[in-house]
Structures are given as structure tokens and as C-alpha cells.
Amino acid sequence: MLRNAQIFKWIMEHPGRGRPYSIRTLALASGCSRGLVEKLANGTQPTADVDDAHSLVEALGVALLVLFAPPSSPELDGTSSVRTPTAKE
């Protein structure tokens, strides 16, 4: 989950390396779609898949956790492969 769209836009303008990015140039540099970068920047899409998130932060020159927060609980977001025991177990 993207921590904050404003921080994302600020980092696009002040990347850890190189010159500022536009939506188009960040999409090209990261290999992500222009639509994804635009939606993250304007706050209409708060998530990106893991590969896209890694590609974006690599292009921007920041650590993953600067821009993206991990899910609060694997059980809550449905990604856990571990079953919660029932009362009978």
C-alpha cells in the first residue's frame, strides 16, 4: 500500500539519483505502466503489485518502505496460506 501520494510525487520531483521524473519518464525508467504511475501520484490507486513497487523505488533511488507499507496482517488481506485453527481443532 502506498504510504502517501504527496510523498510519492515529492520523491518523483526529488529522486535519490538523477533528474526529476514526470509520470511518463518514471513509467519508462521503471517499466511500469503510465496509468499506474499516474494513479499512484494522484492518489486514486493506493496499491501496486510487489514487482511494480520494487521497480518504482529502484528507479526513484529510495528504499521500498519509504513509499510502500506492508499489509498490516497477512490474514486480514487474504494473502496468508496459513489457516487459522477453528475451535474444534
C-alpha atoms as a PDB file:
ATOM      1  CA  MET A   1       0.000   0.000   0.000  1.00  0.00           C
ATOM      2  CA  LEU A   2       1.335   3.417  -0.958  1.00  0.00           C
ATOM      3  CA  ARG A   3       2.020   5.391   2.213  1.00  0.00           C
ATOM      4  CA  ASN A   4       1.189   8.826   0.794  1.00  0.00           C
ATOM      5  CA  ALA A   5       0.595  10.118  -2.745  1.00  0.00           C
ATOM      6  CA  GLN A   6       2.078  13.525  -1.866  1.00  0.00           C
ATOM      7  CA  ILE A   7       5.322  11.901  -0.729  1.00  0.00           C
ATOM      8  CA  PHE A   8       5.365   9.832  -3.924  1.00  0.00           C
ATOM      9  CA  LYS A   9       5.043  12.995  -6.035  1.00  0.00           C
ATOM     10  CA  TRP A  10       7.694  14.790  -3.966  1.00  0.00           C
ATOM     11  CA  ILE A  11      10.146  11.923  -4.473  1.00  0.00           C
ATOM     12  CA  MET A  12       9.380  11.953  -8.204  1.00  0.00           C
ATOM     13  CA  GLU A  13      10.456  15.609  -8.190  1.00  0.00           C
ATOM     14  CA  HIS A  14      13.459  14.932  -5.906  1.00  0.00           C
ATOM     15  CA  PRO A  15      14.655  11.379  -6.657  1.00  0.00           C
ATOM     16  CA  GLY A  16      17.582   9.813  -4.840  1.00  0.00           C
ATOM     17  CA  ARG A  17      19.534   9.869  -8.079  1.00  0.00           C
ATOM     18  CA  GLY A  18      19.294  11.653 -11.363  1.00  0.00           C
ATOM     19  CA  ARG A  19      16.882  14.292 -12.546  1.00  0.00           C
ATOM     20  CA  PRO A  20      13.225  14.757 -11.577  1.00  0.00           C
ATOM     21  CA  TYR A  21      10.705  12.402 -13.129  1.00  0.00           C
ATOM     22  CA  SER A  22       7.454  13.142 -14.872  1.00  0.00           C
ATOM     23  CA  ILE A  23       4.792  10.451 -14.905  1.00  0.00           C
ATOM     24  CA  ARG A  24       5.911   9.439 -18.389  1.00  0.00           C
ATOM     25  CA  THR A  25       9.636   9.322 -17.609  1.00  0.00           C
ATOM     26  CA  LEU A  26       9.129   7.369 -14.368  1.00  0.00           C
ATOM     27  CA  ALA A  27       6.962   4.871 -16.231  1.00  0.00           C
ATOM     28  CA  LEU A  28       9.711   4.437 -18.828  1.00  0.00           C
ATOM     29  CA  ALA A  29      12.502   4.190 -16.246  1.00  0.00           C
ATOM     30  CA  SER A  30      10.665   1.692 -14.053  1.00  0.00           C
ATOM     31  CA  GLY A  31       8.971  -0.377 -16.745  1.00  0.00           C
ATOM     32  CA  CYS A  32       5.592   0.243 -15.087  1.00  0.00           C
ATOM     33  CA  SER A  33       2.557   1.457 -16.958  1.00  0.00           C
ATOM     34  CA  ARG A  34       1.970   5.178 -17.248  1.00  0.00           C
ATOM     35  CA  GLY A  35      -1.534   4.620 -15.880  1.00  0.00           C
ATOM     36  CA  LEU A  36      -0.200   3.013 -12.703  1.00  0.00           C
ATOM     37  CA  VAL A  37       2.281   5.815 -12.059  1.00  0.00           C
ATOM     38  CA  GLU A  38      -0.397   8.440 -12.696  1.00  0.00           C
ATOM     39  CA  LYS A  39      -2.921   6.753 -10.386  1.00  0.00           C
ATOM     40  CA  LEU A  40      -0.355   6.385  -7.596  1.00  0.00           C
ATOM     41  CA  ALA A  41       0.682  10.021  -7.980  1.00  0.00           C
ATOM     42  CA  ASN A  42      -2.859  11.371  -7.853  1.00  0.00           C
ATOM     43  CA  GLY A  43      -3.953   9.015  -5.068  1.00  0.00           C
ATOM     44  CA  THR A  44      -6.682   7.169  -6.960  1.00  0.00           C
ATOM     45  CA  GLN A  45      -4.863   3.835  -6.680  1.00  0.00           C
ATOM     46  CA  PRO A  46      -3.221   3.145  -3.315  1.00  0.00           C
ATOM     47  CA  THR A  47      -1.621  -0.192  -4.238  1.00  0.00           C
ATOM     48  CA  ALA A  48       0.868  -1.692  -6.659  1.00  0.00           C
ATOM     49  CA  ASP A  49       1.948  -5.276  -7.026  1.00  0.00           C
ATOM     50  CA  VAL A  50       5.268  -6.228  -5.474  1.00  0.00           C
ATOM     51  CA  ASP A  51       7.219  -6.256  -8.743  1.00  0.00           C
ATOM     52  CA  ASP A  52       5.929  -2.812  -9.755  1.00  0.00           C
ATOM     53  CA  ALA A  53       6.636  -1.397  -6.281  1.00  0.00           C
ATOM     54  CA  HIS A  54      10.231  -2.665  -6.428  1.00  0.00           C
ATOM     55  CA  SER A  55      10.699  -1.291  -9.944  1.00  0.00           C
ATOM     56  CA  LEU A  56       9.391   2.132  -8.929  1.00  0.00           C
ATOM     57  CA  VAL A  57      11.577   2.505  -5.836  1.00  0.00           C
ATOM     58  CA  GLU A  58      14.623   1.249  -7.740  1.00  0.00           C
ATOM     59  CA  ALA A  59      14.110   3.930 -10.386  1.00  0.00           C
ATOM     60  CA  LEU A  60      13.492   6.587  -7.721  1.00  0.00           C
ATOM     61  CA  GLY A  61      16.521   5.583  -5.648  1.00  0.00           C
ATOM     62  CA  VAL A  62      14.686   5.052  -2.363  1.00  0.00           C
ATOM     63  CA  ALA A  63      14.019   2.067  -0.122  1.00  0.00           C
ATOM     64  CA  LEU A  64      10.768   0.164  -0.579  1.00  0.00           C
ATOM     65  CA  LEU A  65       9.457   1.024   2.883  1.00  0.00           C
ATOM     66  CA  VAL A  66       9.865   4.746   2.234  1.00  0.00           C
ATOM     67  CA  LEU A  67       6.945   4.656  -0.207  1.00  0.00           C
ATOM     68  CA  PHE A  68       5.087   1.416   0.434  1.00  0.00           C
ATOM     69  CA  ALA A  69       3.773  -0.048   3.681  1.00  0.00           C
ATOM     70  CA  PRO A  70       3.452  -3.807   4.084  1.00  0.00           C
ATOM     71  CA  PRO A  71      -0.006  -5.229   4.747  1.00  0.00           C
ATOM     72  CA  SER A  72      -0.996  -4.951   8.386  1.00  0.00           C
ATOM     73  CA  SER A  73      -1.667  -8.669   8.608  1.00  0.00           C
ATOM     74  CA  PRO A  74      -1.400 -11.426   6.019  1.00  0.00           C
ATOM     75  CA  GLU A  75      -4.562 -12.976   7.451  1.00  0.00           C
ATOM     76  CA  LEU A  76      -6.535  -9.755   7.046  1.00  0.00           C
ATOM     77  CA  ASP A  77      -5.625  -9.142   3.432  1.00  0.00           C
ATOM     78  CA  GLY A  78      -6.194 -12.740   2.328  1.00  0.00           C
ATOM     79  CA  THR A  79      -2.605 -13.447   1.275  1.00  0.00           C
ATOM     80  CA  SER A  80      -1.748 -15.862   4.069  1.00  0.00           C
ATOM     81  CA  SER A  81      -1.530 -19.546   3.133  1.00  0.00           C
ATOM     82  CA  VAL A  82      -1.723 -20.495   6.814  1.00  0.00           C
ATOM     83  CA  ARG A  83      -5.148 -21.452   8.106  1.00  0.00           C
ATOM     84  CA  THR A  84      -6.360 -20.154  11.428  1.00  0.00           C
ATOM     85  CA  PRO A  85      -7.336 -23.101  13.646  1.00  0.00           C
ATOM     86  CA  THR A  86     -11.026 -23.482  14.373  1.00  0.00           C
ATOM     87  CA  ALA A  87     -12.494 -24.004  17.834  1.00  0.00           C
ATOM     88  CA  LYS A  88     -12.800 -27.753  17.144  1.00  0.00           C
ATOM     89  CA  GLU A  89      -9.105 -28.060  16.356  1.00  0.00           C
END
